[in-house]
């Protein structure tokens, strides 16, 4: 249980002062040995722990005390160091933040606990319920399957916690609490107060439920930074980007974080443009400024949501990133999938497939020291269900260019995708940018119904960035055959899928 190395000795307030109204705040970060949330006799202060208002980062002194001029009205938060944990409430929400008292006082309890170099994080994006019924879908498909897990240190929800319905924050939090691990939240565009007067006030309901929309904490050898990157433009309008105080916060935070530590940024709106034909979705100037802050960091990972599909993007020179290694952004598939839409299963829960053919589910981040890998789990499926294989039921013999497709849900250019028919040799499949035909079939079928389903429609198909194609050999004899696909990730983990096809002799 060690405190961040540079925070221990830092004694200066590392912040660029701006013209914003400031108010004096002060308090103590202490070792809450009995876990009751209050400071009792014999509970010492903790030195070198960061406290922030979302702009300034101040380390506590030798007695655990801090004092600085904070943004007026800001929520203060402690930047959890390695080996220490804030208490959690009955909804498993970490109590790392508070509003200062009228006299500016705000104390923060921390509890000691072991933190190995290797740990796993549960990743949700866009649960986005629009009703109590949809909260129930999340509860029955995701929370129920994960309840009581001991495999994860904590979870993070990457925005659009609800779908413009703040009264659902409590019921959804109760469903997530069943999982039994500390649960952090990131603000999304559907978590805004749409009638707010300005950008800062647009997150009032989110912050009332969960705490500040920009914050940070250490876990193991990693620094996690949650950044509210939804810039409110009035009504339902928004764009991706950061405010000046958020850039100051990140710069101040990185100054007191060892350079060899893994930096994981948690946001809602991705850096990349989801569709090349769309207008700008994240301000280019802000992305360039973020690149500049992170480019000398050898270990970085960016986690985002928002799109309701799944994609890996490796930012490089073409995008303006000048770091030694490409910057990996994992855009996590939505927990709500295609907005809780599509045909219902036997339990009445919509299929909720996403517009790129990925089933709804959750991501898994595994951190080992400063190395990170990400995996995906489809809800309502076993862990090894990683490939959606589409092929014809039957094909005529001696017919060329009969295609079949493999949607490797978590795949990207670094994966090796191969296929074969029966016991023939494995051959590489070709990556294509196209609609997933299995999803397109589901989507088009709903247009043929004389009576629309009661469940929401599946959204329009989008290009799938993890789709591979191959063709049936034209020399297959008539009879039954088996197509097999093998997908191997960069770490050497392989997954397989098979599908039967009947080759029919020509009449």
Protein backbone atom coordinates (compact mmCIF):
# COMPACT_ATOMS: atom_id res chain seq x y z
CA UNK A 1 0.00 0.00 0.00
CA UNK A 2 2.06 2.89 -1.30
CA UNK A 3 1.09 6.42 -2.21
CA UNK A 4 1.93 7.81 -5.69
CA UNK A 5 5.66 8.46 -5.69
CA UNK A 6 5.67 12.05 -6.81
CA UNK A 7 2.63 13.07 -4.78
CA UNK A 8 4.41 12.16 -1.57
CA UNK A 9 7.02 14.84 -1.95
CA UNK A 10 5.07 17.44 -3.87
CA UNK A 11 4.31 20.55 -1.81
CA UNK A 12 3.14 23.04 -4.40
CA UNK A 13 -0.27 23.65 -5.91
CA UNK A 14 0.14 22.68 -9.55
CA UNK A 15 -2.44 24.73 -11.35
CA UNK A 16 -2.59 27.55 -13.85
CA UNK A 17 -4.82 30.11 -12.21
CA UNK A 18 -7.61 31.54 -14.35
CA UNK A 19 -10.06 34.37 -13.96
CA UNK A 20 -12.84 32.06 -12.70
CA UNK A 21 -14.39 32.87 -9.33
CA UNK A 22 -12.61 30.94 -6.56
CA UNK A 23 -13.51 30.09 -2.98
CA UNK A 24 -11.14 28.93 -0.19
CA UNK A 25 -11.52 25.28 0.81
CA UNK A 26 -9.64 23.12 3.28
CA UNK A 27 -9.78 19.74 4.97
CA UNK A 28 -8.03 16.47 5.79
CA UNK A 29 -7.64 13.14 4.02
CA UNK A 30 -7.40 10.50 6.72
CA UNK A 31 -7.02 6.77 7.38
CA UNK A 32 -10.54 5.66 8.29
CA UNK A 33 -9.41 2.67 10.35
CA UNK A 34 -12.84 1.75 11.66
CA UNK A 35 -14.57 2.43 8.33
CA UNK A 36 -17.33 4.62 9.76
CA UNK A 37 -16.70 7.57 7.41
CA UNK A 38 -15.81 10.02 10.19
CA UNK A 39 -12.45 10.92 11.67
CA UNK A 40 -12.01 9.47 15.12
CA UNK A 41 -9.17 9.56 17.64
CA UNK A 42 -6.15 7.63 16.45
CA UNK A 43 -6.97 7.97 12.74
CA UNK A 44 -4.01 9.79 11.17
CA UNK A 45 -3.99 12.04 8.16
CA UNK A 46 -2.49 10.73 4.91
CA UNK A 47 0.31 12.70 3.26
CA UNK A 48 0.74 13.20 -0.47
CA UNK A 49 -2.83 12.40 -1.53
CA UNK A 50 -4.28 14.56 -4.30
CA UNK A 51 -7.41 16.65 -3.76
CA UNK A 52 -9.04 18.51 -6.66
CA UNK A 53 -11.94 20.66 -7.78
CA UNK A 54 -11.66 19.45 -11.38
CA UNK A 55 -8.94 21.98 -12.24
CA UNK A 56 -6.44 22.41 -9.43
CA UNK A 57 -4.60 19.37 -8.04
CA UNK A 58 -3.25 19.79 -4.49
CA UNK A 59 -1.34 17.19 -2.44
CA UNK A 60 -2.02 16.83 1.25
CA UNK A 61 0.73 17.87 3.66
CA UNK A 62 2.48 15.68 6.25
CA UNK A 63 -0.60 15.79 8.50
CA UNK A 64 -3.02 14.97 5.68
CA UNK A 65 -4.27 18.54 5.36
CA UNK A 66 -4.91 20.61 2.25
CA UNK A 67 -6.07 24.14 1.44
CA UNK A 68 -6.52 26.00 -1.83
CA UNK A 69 -8.86 28.34 -3.70
CA UNK A 70 -11.33 26.11 -5.55
CA UNK A 71 -13.73 26.87 -8.38
CA UNK A 72 -16.77 28.38 -6.73
CA UNK A 73 -19.55 25.80 -6.35
CA UNK A 74 -17.36 22.90 -7.47
CA UNK A 75 -17.54 19.47 -5.92
CA UNK A 76 -14.24 18.49 -4.33
CA UNK A 77 -12.86 14.99 -4.73
CA UNK A 78 -9.96 12.95 -3.48
CA UNK A 79 -7.74 11.30 -6.09
CA UNK A 80 -7.61 7.79 -4.68
CA UNK A 81 -3.97 6.58 -4.39
CA UNK A 82 -2.86 3.01 -4.83
CA UNK A 83 -3.61 0.81 -1.84
CA UNK A 84 -6.40 3.02 -0.51
CA UNK A 85 -10.13 3.04 -1.23
CA UNK A 86 -13.00 5.44 -0.61
CA UNK A 87 -16.02 3.95 1.17
CA UNK A 88 -19.00 2.94 -0.97
CA UNK A 89 -22.69 3.38 -0.27
CA UNK A 90 -25.48 0.81 -0.54
CA UNK A 91 -25.55 1.33 -4.32
CA UNK A 92 -21.81 0.55 -4.56
CA UNK A 93 -21.07 4.16 -5.55
CA UNK A 94 -17.59 5.25 -4.33
CA UNK A 95 -17.86 8.18 -1.90
CA UNK A 96 -14.77 10.02 -3.11
CA UNK A 97 -16.38 13.46 -3.45
CA UNK A 98 -18.41 16.01 -1.52
CA UNK A 99 -19.46 19.63 -1.54
CA UNK A 100 -17.58 21.70 1.03
CA UNK A 101 -19.41 22.98 4.09
CA UNK A 102 -20.29 26.71 4.27
CA UNK A 103 -16.92 27.36 5.94
CA UNK A 104 -15.11 25.56 3.07
CA UNK A 105 -14.29 22.40 5.04
CA UNK A 106 -14.34 18.96 3.37
CA UNK A 107 -12.68 15.86 4.85
CA UNK A 108 -12.16 12.61 2.95
CA UNK A 109 -11.92 9.13 4.52
CA UNK A 110 -9.88 6.38 2.85
CA UNK A 111 -9.62 2.73 3.84
CA UNK A 112 -6.45 0.68 3.32
CA UNK A 113 -6.64 -2.35 1.04
CA UNK A 114 -4.40 -4.52 -1.11
CA UNK A 115 -4.10 -3.70 -4.81
CA UNK A 116 -2.17 -6.17 -7.00
CA UNK A 117 -0.50 -5.15 -10.23
CA UNK A 118 -2.92 -7.38 -12.13
CA UNK A 119 -6.64 -6.66 -11.96
CA UNK A 120 -9.72 -6.56 -14.16
CA UNK A 121 -12.30 -3.84 -14.78
CA UNK A 122 -15.88 -4.34 -15.96
CA UNK A 123 -16.80 -1.93 -18.77
CA UNK A 124 -20.35 -0.88 -19.61
CA UNK A 125 -21.29 1.63 -22.29
CA UNK A 126 -24.72 3.14 -22.83
CA UNK A 127 -27.10 1.08 -20.65
CA UNK A 128 -29.53 3.84 -21.66
CA UNK A 129 -32.90 2.65 -20.31
CA UNK A 130 -35.88 4.80 -21.29
CA UNK A 131 -38.28 3.00 -18.92
CA UNK A 132 -38.41 0.80 -15.86
CA UNK A 133 -39.04 -2.11 -18.21
CA UNK A 134 -35.68 -1.45 -19.87
CA UNK A 135 -34.00 -1.20 -16.46
CA UNK A 136 -35.40 -4.69 -15.99
CA UNK A 137 -33.81 -5.83 -19.26
CA UNK A 138 -30.41 -4.69 -17.98
CA UNK A 139 -31.03 -6.35 -14.64
CA UNK A 140 -32.04 -9.69 -16.17
CA UNK A 141 -29.41 -9.90 -18.92
CA UNK A 142 -26.31 -8.25 -17.46
CA UNK A 143 -26.60 -7.66 -13.72
CA UNK A 144 -28.05 -11.10 -13.01
CA UNK A 145 -25.28 -12.85 -14.91
CA UNK A 146 -22.57 -10.88 -13.11
CA UNK A 147 -24.10 -10.77 -9.61
CA UNK A 148 -21.64 -11.76 -6.90
CA UNK A 149 -18.64 -11.82 -9.21
CA UNK A 150 -15.19 -11.69 -7.63
CA UNK A 151 -13.39 -11.25 -10.95
CA UNK A 152 -13.39 -7.45 -11.13
CA UNK A 153 -11.92 -4.67 -9.00
CA UNK A 154 -14.59 -2.17 -10.08
CA UNK A 155 -16.84 -1.22 -12.99
CA UNK A 156 -17.03 1.87 -15.17
CA UNK A 157 -20.08 2.98 -17.15
CA UNK A 158 -18.97 5.09 -20.13
CA UNK A 159 -21.91 7.47 -20.35
CA UNK A 160 -25.56 7.48 -21.38
CA UNK A 161 -26.30 5.85 -18.07
CA UNK A 162 -29.99 6.57 -18.76
CA UNK A 163 -31.94 7.85 -21.77
CA UNK A 164 -32.90 11.41 -20.76
CA UNK A 165 -34.80 10.02 -17.75
CA UNK A 166 -33.02 11.01 -14.54
CA UNK A 167 -35.68 9.36 -12.41
CA UNK A 168 -34.23 6.05 -13.67
CA UNK A 169 -30.77 6.71 -12.20
CA UNK A 170 -31.78 5.18 -8.87
CA UNK A 171 -33.41 2.00 -10.22
CA UNK A 172 -30.54 1.38 -12.63
CA UNK A 173 -27.99 1.98 -9.86
CA UNK A 174 -29.82 -0.58 -7.73
CA UNK A 175 -29.63 -3.12 -10.57
CA UNK A 176 -25.90 -2.47 -11.01
CA UNK A 177 -25.36 -2.75 -7.26
CA UNK A 178 -26.36 -6.42 -7.50
CA UNK A 179 -23.01 -7.06 -9.17
CA UNK A 180 -21.36 -6.21 -5.86
CA UNK A 181 -18.33 -4.14 -6.90
CA UNK A 182 -17.58 -0.38 -6.73
CA UNK A 183 -19.21 1.31 -9.72
CA UNK A 184 -17.94 4.51 -11.35
CA UNK A 185 -19.90 6.57 -13.91
CA UNK A 186 -18.98 8.84 -16.84
CA UNK A 187 -21.41 11.49 -18.09
CA UNK A 188 -23.02 11.03 -21.54
CA UNK A 189 -25.11 13.22 -23.82
CA UNK A 190 -28.31 11.48 -22.65
CA UNK A 191 -27.36 12.23 -19.02
CA UNK A 192 -27.60 16.01 -19.57
CA UNK A 193 -30.24 18.37 -18.23
CA UNK A 194 -31.54 19.57 -21.58
CA UNK A 195 -33.11 22.73 -20.18
CA UNK A 196 -29.90 23.92 -18.53
CA UNK A 197 -28.73 27.49 -18.96
CA UNK A 198 -25.13 26.57 -19.81
CA UNK A 199 -22.60 23.76 -20.18
CA UNK A 200 -21.64 23.58 -16.49
CA UNK A 201 -25.22 23.37 -15.26
CA UNK A 202 -26.13 20.69 -17.79
CA UNK A 203 -24.56 17.98 -15.60
CA UNK A 204 -26.36 18.97 -12.37
CA UNK A 205 -28.62 15.89 -12.23
CA UNK A 206 -25.78 13.53 -13.12
CA UNK A 207 -23.55 15.03 -10.43
CA UNK A 208 -26.34 14.92 -7.86
CA UNK A 209 -26.66 11.17 -8.47
CA UNK A 210 -23.02 10.17 -8.97
CA UNK A 211 -20.60 12.99 -8.14
CA UNK A 212 -18.35 15.13 -10.36
CA UNK A 213 -18.37 14.44 -14.08
CA UNK A 214 -14.59 14.93 -14.29
CA UNK A 215 -12.40 13.12 -11.72
CA UNK A 216 -9.50 10.66 -11.39
CA UNK A 217 -8.22 7.77 -9.29
CA UNK A 218 -5.25 5.41 -9.15
CA UNK A 219 -5.56 1.65 -9.07
CA UNK A 220 -2.54 -0.62 -9.21
CA UNK A 221 0.00 0.97 -11.57
CA UNK A 222 -2.71 2.76 -13.54
CA UNK A 223 -4.23 6.22 -13.43
CA UNK A 224 -7.89 6.37 -14.50
CA UNK A 225 -9.14 9.77 -15.63
CA UNK A 226 -12.86 10.33 -16.24
CA UNK A 227 -13.45 13.32 -18.49
CA UNK A 228 -16.89 14.69 -19.29
CA UNK A 229 -16.30 15.27 -23.01
CA UNK A 230 -19.91 16.21 -23.89
CA UNK A 231 -20.06 19.93 -24.58
CA UNK A 232 -23.62 21.11 -24.17
CA UNK A 233 -24.77 23.55 -26.86
CA UNK A 234 -28.36 24.03 -25.70
CA UNK A 235 -31.39 21.75 -26.02
CA UNK A 236 -30.41 18.38 -27.49
CA UNK A 237 -27.35 19.83 -29.26
CA UNK A 238 -23.81 18.91 -28.20
CA UNK A 239 -20.33 18.20 -29.54
CA UNK A 240 -17.36 16.28 -28.21
CA UNK A 241 -14.62 18.33 -26.58
CA UNK A 242 -13.17 19.61 -23.29
CA UNK A 243 -13.36 22.90 -21.41
CA UNK A 244 -10.25 24.89 -20.49
CA UNK A 245 -10.49 23.84 -16.82
CA UNK A 246 -10.51 20.17 -17.84
CA UNK A 247 -7.33 20.61 -19.86
CA UNK A 248 -5.77 22.29 -16.81
CA UNK A 249 -6.90 19.40 -14.61
CA UNK A 250 -5.39 16.79 -16.91
CA UNK A 251 -2.13 18.71 -17.27
CA UNK A 252 -1.83 19.19 -13.51
CA UNK A 253 -2.65 15.55 -12.88
CA UNK A 254 -0.10 14.24 -15.36
CA UNK A 255 2.62 16.40 -13.80
CA UNK A 256 2.29 14.46 -10.54
CA UNK A 257 1.85 11.03 -12.11
CA UNK A 258 4.95 8.92 -12.85
CA UNK A 259 5.63 8.81 -16.58
CA UNK A 260 5.79 5.02 -16.62
CA UNK A 261 2.30 4.63 -15.16
CA UNK A 262 -0.53 3.44 -17.42
CA UNK A 263 -2.96 6.29 -18.19
CA UNK A 264 -6.53 5.21 -18.99
CA UNK A 265 -8.89 7.94 -20.17
CA UNK A 266 -12.62 7.32 -19.68
CA UNK A 267 -15.01 9.29 -21.88
CA UNK A 268 -18.34 9.01 -23.63
CA UNK A 269 -17.86 10.56 -27.08
CA UNK A 270 -15.00 8.90 -29.01
CA UNK A 271 -12.05 10.76 -30.48
CA UNK A 272 -12.57 9.37 -33.96
CA UNK A 273 -15.44 10.40 -36.23
CA UNK A 274 -17.91 7.48 -36.18
CA UNK A 275 -18.70 7.87 -39.88
CA UNK A 276 -16.47 9.63 -42.44
CA UNK A 277 -19.59 11.15 -44.00
CA UNK A 278 -20.74 12.72 -40.74
CA UNK A 279 -19.95 16.20 -39.52
CA UNK A 280 -17.27 16.68 -36.87
CA UNK A 281 -18.28 14.89 -33.66
CA UNK A 282 -15.22 15.70 -31.54
CA UNK A 283 -13.55 19.10 -31.89
CA UNK A 284 -10.34 18.67 -33.86
CA UNK A 285 -8.46 21.35 -31.94
CA UNK A 286 -9.32 19.66 -28.64
CA UNK A 287 -8.16 16.28 -29.94
CA UNK A 288 -4.83 17.81 -31.01
CA UNK A 289 -4.41 19.37 -27.57
CA UNK A 290 -5.10 16.02 -25.90
CA UNK A 291 -2.58 14.34 -28.17
CA UNK A 292 0.02 16.90 -27.08
CA UNK A 293 -0.63 16.21 -23.38
CA UNK A 294 -0.32 12.44 -23.80
CA UNK A 295 2.28 11.98 -26.54
CA UNK A 296 5.22 11.41 -24.17
CA UNK A 297 3.33 8.75 -22.20
CA UNK A 298 4.47 5.25 -23.22
CA UNK A 299 1.40 3.49 -21.80
CA UNK A 300 -2.01 4.91 -22.69
CA UNK A 301 -5.50 3.60 -23.42
CA UNK A 302 -8.66 5.44 -24.38
CA UNK A 303 -12.09 3.97 -23.55
CA UNK A 304 -15.25 5.44 -25.10
CA UNK A 305 -18.90 4.62 -25.79
CA UNK A 306 -21.71 6.52 -27.55
CA UNK A 307 -21.78 4.82 -30.97
CA UNK A 308 -23.79 1.66 -30.21
CA UNK A 309 -21.34 -0.45 -32.14
CA UNK A 310 -17.91 -1.81 -31.32
CA UNK A 311 -14.61 -0.68 -32.80
CA UNK A 312 -10.88 -0.50 -32.11
CA UNK A 313 -9.06 2.56 -33.45
CA UNK A 314 -5.29 2.99 -33.38
CA UNK A 315 -4.49 6.69 -33.64
CA UNK A 316 -1.26 7.38 -35.50
CA UNK A 317 0.51 9.99 -37.59
CA UNK A 318 -2.40 10.30 -40.03
CA UNK A 319 -4.60 11.49 -37.17
CA UNK A 320 -1.93 13.77 -35.69
CA UNK A 321 -0.73 11.44 -32.92
CA UNK A 322 3.07 11.58 -32.57
CA UNK A 323 3.64 9.12 -29.72
CA UNK A 324 6.13 6.29 -30.10
CA UNK A 325 3.29 3.74 -30.33
CA UNK A 326 -0.20 4.14 -31.78
CA UNK A 327 -2.76 5.31 -29.25
CA UNK A 328 -5.33 2.56 -28.78
CA UNK A 329 -8.97 3.62 -28.43
CA UNK A 330 -11.49 0.92 -27.57
CA UNK A 331 -15.02 2.01 -28.40
CA UNK A 332 -17.07 -0.35 -26.24
CA UNK A 333 -20.27 -1.98 -27.48
CA UNK A 334 -23.45 -0.78 -25.78
CA UNK A 335 -25.02 -2.61 -22.86
CA UNK A 336 -28.38 -1.66 -24.42
CA UNK A 337 -27.18 -2.83 -27.83
CA UNK A 338 -29.53 -1.52 -30.50
CA UNK A 339 -31.41 0.59 -27.93
CA UNK A 340 -33.15 -2.46 -26.43
CA UNK A 341 -34.78 -3.14 -29.80
CA UNK A 342 -35.55 -6.07 -32.07
CA UNK A 343 -37.43 -9.34 -31.73
CA UNK A 344 -37.92 -10.64 -28.17
CA UNK A 345 -36.42 -13.90 -26.91
CA UNK A 346 -38.30 -16.59 -24.98
CA UNK A 347 -38.18 -14.43 -21.84
CA UNK A 348 -39.59 -11.41 -23.67
CA UNK A 349 -36.29 -9.51 -23.72
CA UNK A 350 -35.46 -7.82 -27.04
CA UNK A 351 -32.53 -9.23 -28.99
CA UNK A 352 -30.88 -5.77 -28.85
CA UNK A 353 -28.27 -6.51 -31.54
CA UNK A 354 -26.24 -3.44 -32.48
CA UNK A 355 -26.22 -1.90 -35.94
CA UNK A 356 -22.87 -3.52 -36.80
CA UNK A 357 -24.13 -6.98 -35.83
CA UNK A 358 -22.45 -7.09 -32.42
CA UNK A 359 -24.66 -8.55 -29.67
CA UNK A 360 -25.19 -6.32 -26.66
CA UNK A 361 -22.87 -7.00 -23.73
CA UNK A 362 -19.89 -5.61 -21.85
CA UNK A 363 -16.13 -5.12 -22.12
CA UNK A 364 -13.40 -6.43 -19.87
CA UNK A 365 -10.19 -4.48 -19.26
CA UNK A 366 -7.31 -6.52 -17.87
CA UNK A 367 -4.40 -4.49 -16.47
CA UNK A 368 -1.14 -6.26 -15.70
CA UNK A 369 1.40 -3.73 -14.47
CA UNK A 370 1.32 -1.12 -17.23
CA UNK A 371 0.10 -3.52 -19.93
CA UNK A 372 -3.58 -3.54 -20.86
CA UNK A 373 -5.80 -5.78 -22.95
CA UNK A 374 -9.51 -5.62 -23.66
CA UNK A 375 -11.99 -8.44 -24.25
CA UNK A 376 -15.71 -8.58 -24.97
CA UNK A 377 -18.54 -10.68 -23.60
CA UNK A 378 -21.92 -10.97 -25.29
CA UNK A 379 -24.87 -10.96 -22.92
CA UNK A 380 -26.94 -14.15 -22.84
CA UNK A 381 -24.12 -16.14 -24.49
CA UNK A 382 -21.17 -18.21 -23.22
CA UNK A 383 -17.78 -16.51 -22.95
CA UNK A 384 -16.43 -18.24 -26.07
CA UNK A 385 -19.15 -16.80 -28.30
CA UNK A 386 -16.94 -14.31 -30.14
CA UNK A 387 -17.85 -14.85 -33.81
CA UNK A 388 -21.09 -14.39 -35.70
CA UNK A 389 -20.84 -16.66 -38.75
CA UNK A 390 -23.22 -16.06 -41.66
CA UNK A 391 -23.38 -18.50 -44.56
CA UNK A 392 -26.04 -19.83 -46.94
CA UNK A 393 -28.09 -22.81 -45.81
CA UNK A 394 -27.53 -24.41 -49.20
CA UNK A 395 -25.50 -23.72 -52.35
CA UNK A 396 -25.50 -25.32 -55.78
CA UNK A 397 -22.45 -27.39 -56.65
CA UNK A 398 -19.78 -25.98 -58.97
CA UNK A 399 -20.91 -22.40 -58.32
CA UNK A 400 -18.23 -19.78 -57.69
CA UNK A 401 -18.28 -16.72 -55.45
CA UNK A 402 -20.72 -18.02 -52.85
CA UNK A 403 -19.64 -15.90 -49.91
CA UNK A 404 -19.75 -16.39 -46.14
CA UNK A 405 -18.92 -13.83 -43.46
CA UNK A 406 -17.38 -13.82 -40.00
CA UNK A 407 -18.25 -10.95 -37.65
CA UNK A 408 -15.48 -11.13 -35.03
CA UNK A 409 -17.06 -8.92 -32.40
CA UNK A 410 -13.85 -7.75 -30.75
CA UNK A 411 -11.67 -8.04 -33.85
CA UNK A 412 -9.41 -5.50 -35.50
CA UNK A 413 -6.52 -5.40 -37.96
CA UNK A 414 -4.20 -7.07 -35.45
CA UNK A 415 -6.25 -10.27 -35.38
CA UNK A 416 -5.68 -13.27 -37.66
CA UNK A 417 -8.91 -14.60 -39.17
CA UNK A 418 -8.86 -17.92 -41.06
CA UNK A 419 -11.45 -20.35 -42.37
CA UNK A 420 -11.76 -23.74 -43.97
CA UNK A 421 -14.40 -26.17 -45.19
CA UNK A 422 -14.38 -29.67 -43.69
CA UNK A 423 -10.78 -30.83 -43.21
CA UNK A 424 -9.20 -28.68 -45.93
CA UNK A 425 -6.33 -26.31 -45.19
CA UNK A 426 -6.90 -23.11 -43.22
CA UNK A 427 -6.82 -19.98 -45.41
CA UNK A 428 -6.91 -16.30 -44.44
CA UNK A 429 -10.19 -14.46 -44.76
CA UNK A 430 -10.33 -10.96 -46.21
CA UNK A 431 -11.40 -8.05 -44.04
CA UNK A 432 -14.20 -6.01 -45.62
CA UNK A 433 -16.07 -2.84 -44.64
CA UNK A 434 -19.71 -3.63 -45.15
CA UNK A 435 -22.99 -4.37 -43.41
CA UNK A 436 -23.09 -7.57 -41.42
CA UNK A 437 -25.48 -9.64 -43.61
CA UNK A 438 -26.93 -11.46 -40.61
CA UNK A 439 -27.88 -8.14 -39.02
CA UNK A 440 -29.14 -6.76 -42.34
CA UNK A 441 -31.46 -9.77 -42.58
CA UNK A 442 -32.88 -9.03 -39.11
CA UNK A 443 -33.25 -5.36 -39.94
CA UNK A 444 -35.02 -5.92 -43.27
CA UNK A 445 -37.32 -8.58 -41.85
CA UNK A 446 -38.92 -6.05 -39.52
CA UNK A 447 -40.04 -4.03 -42.57
CA UNK A 448 -41.98 -7.02 -43.91
CA UNK A 449 -44.26 -7.33 -40.89
CA UNK A 450 -47.86 -6.24 -41.38
CA UNK A 451 -48.06 -5.58 -37.63
CA UNK A 452 -44.93 -3.97 -36.15
CA UNK A 453 -43.51 -5.52 -32.98
CA UNK A 454 -44.23 -3.88 -29.65
CA UNK A 455 -40.48 -3.70 -28.95
CA UNK A 456 -38.43 -0.84 -30.47
CA UNK A 457 -37.11 -1.20 -34.02
CA UNK A 458 -33.58 -2.26 -34.68
CA UNK A 459 -31.54 0.75 -35.89
CA UNK A 460 -30.37 1.16 -39.48
CA UNK A 461 -27.30 -0.96 -40.30
CA UNK A 462 -23.86 0.65 -40.24
CA UNK A 463 -20.49 -0.41 -41.60
CA UNK A 464 -18.95 -3.17 -39.49
CA UNK A 465 -15.23 -2.68 -38.84
CA UNK A 466 -14.67 -6.28 -37.72
CA UNK A 467 -16.12 -8.25 -40.64
CA UNK A 468 -14.24 -10.82 -42.73
CA UNK A 469 -15.34 -12.62 -45.92
CA UNK A 470 -14.42 -15.75 -47.81
CA UNK A 471 -15.99 -18.00 -50.49
CA UNK A 472 -17.09 -21.61 -50.64
CA UNK A 473 -14.75 -23.72 -52.78
CA UNK A 474 -16.44 -24.30 -56.15
CA UNK A 475 -15.30 -27.94 -56.24
CA UNK A 476 -17.23 -29.10 -53.17
CA UNK A 477 -19.16 -32.31 -53.91
CA UNK A 478 -22.87 -32.52 -53.27
CA UNK A 479 -23.76 -33.27 -49.67
CA UNK A 480 -23.34 -31.76 -46.20
CA UNK A 481 -20.25 -29.71 -45.34
CA UNK A 482 -19.02 -27.67 -42.38
CA UNK A 483 -17.54 -24.18 -42.54
CA UNK A 484 -15.13 -23.38 -39.70
CA UNK A 485 -13.71 -19.97 -38.77
CA UNK A 486 -10.76 -19.47 -36.45
CA UNK A 487 -10.04 -16.01 -35.02
CA UNK A 488 -6.78 -15.41 -33.12
CA UNK A 489 -6.16 -12.21 -31.19
CA UNK A 490 -2.74 -10.50 -30.88
CA UNK A 491 -2.08 -12.33 -27.57
CA UNK A 492 -2.55 -15.72 -29.24
CA UNK A 493 -6.02 -16.52 -27.84
CA UNK A 494 -8.13 -18.32 -30.47
CA UNK A 495 -11.89 -18.66 -30.90
CA UNK A 496 -13.80 -20.80 -33.39
CA UNK A 497 -17.24 -20.96 -34.95
CA UNK A 498 -18.80 -23.49 -37.29
CA UNK A 499 -21.81 -23.63 -39.57
CA UNK A 500 -23.28 -26.39 -41.73
CA UNK A 501 -23.94 -25.86 -45.43
CA UNK A 502 -25.60 -28.24 -47.88
CA UNK A 503 -24.15 -28.44 -51.37
CA UNK A 504 -26.83 -29.42 -53.85
CA UNK A 505 -26.13 -31.25 -57.11
CA UNK A 506 -27.31 -29.42 -60.25
CA UNK A 507 -30.56 -30.67 -61.70
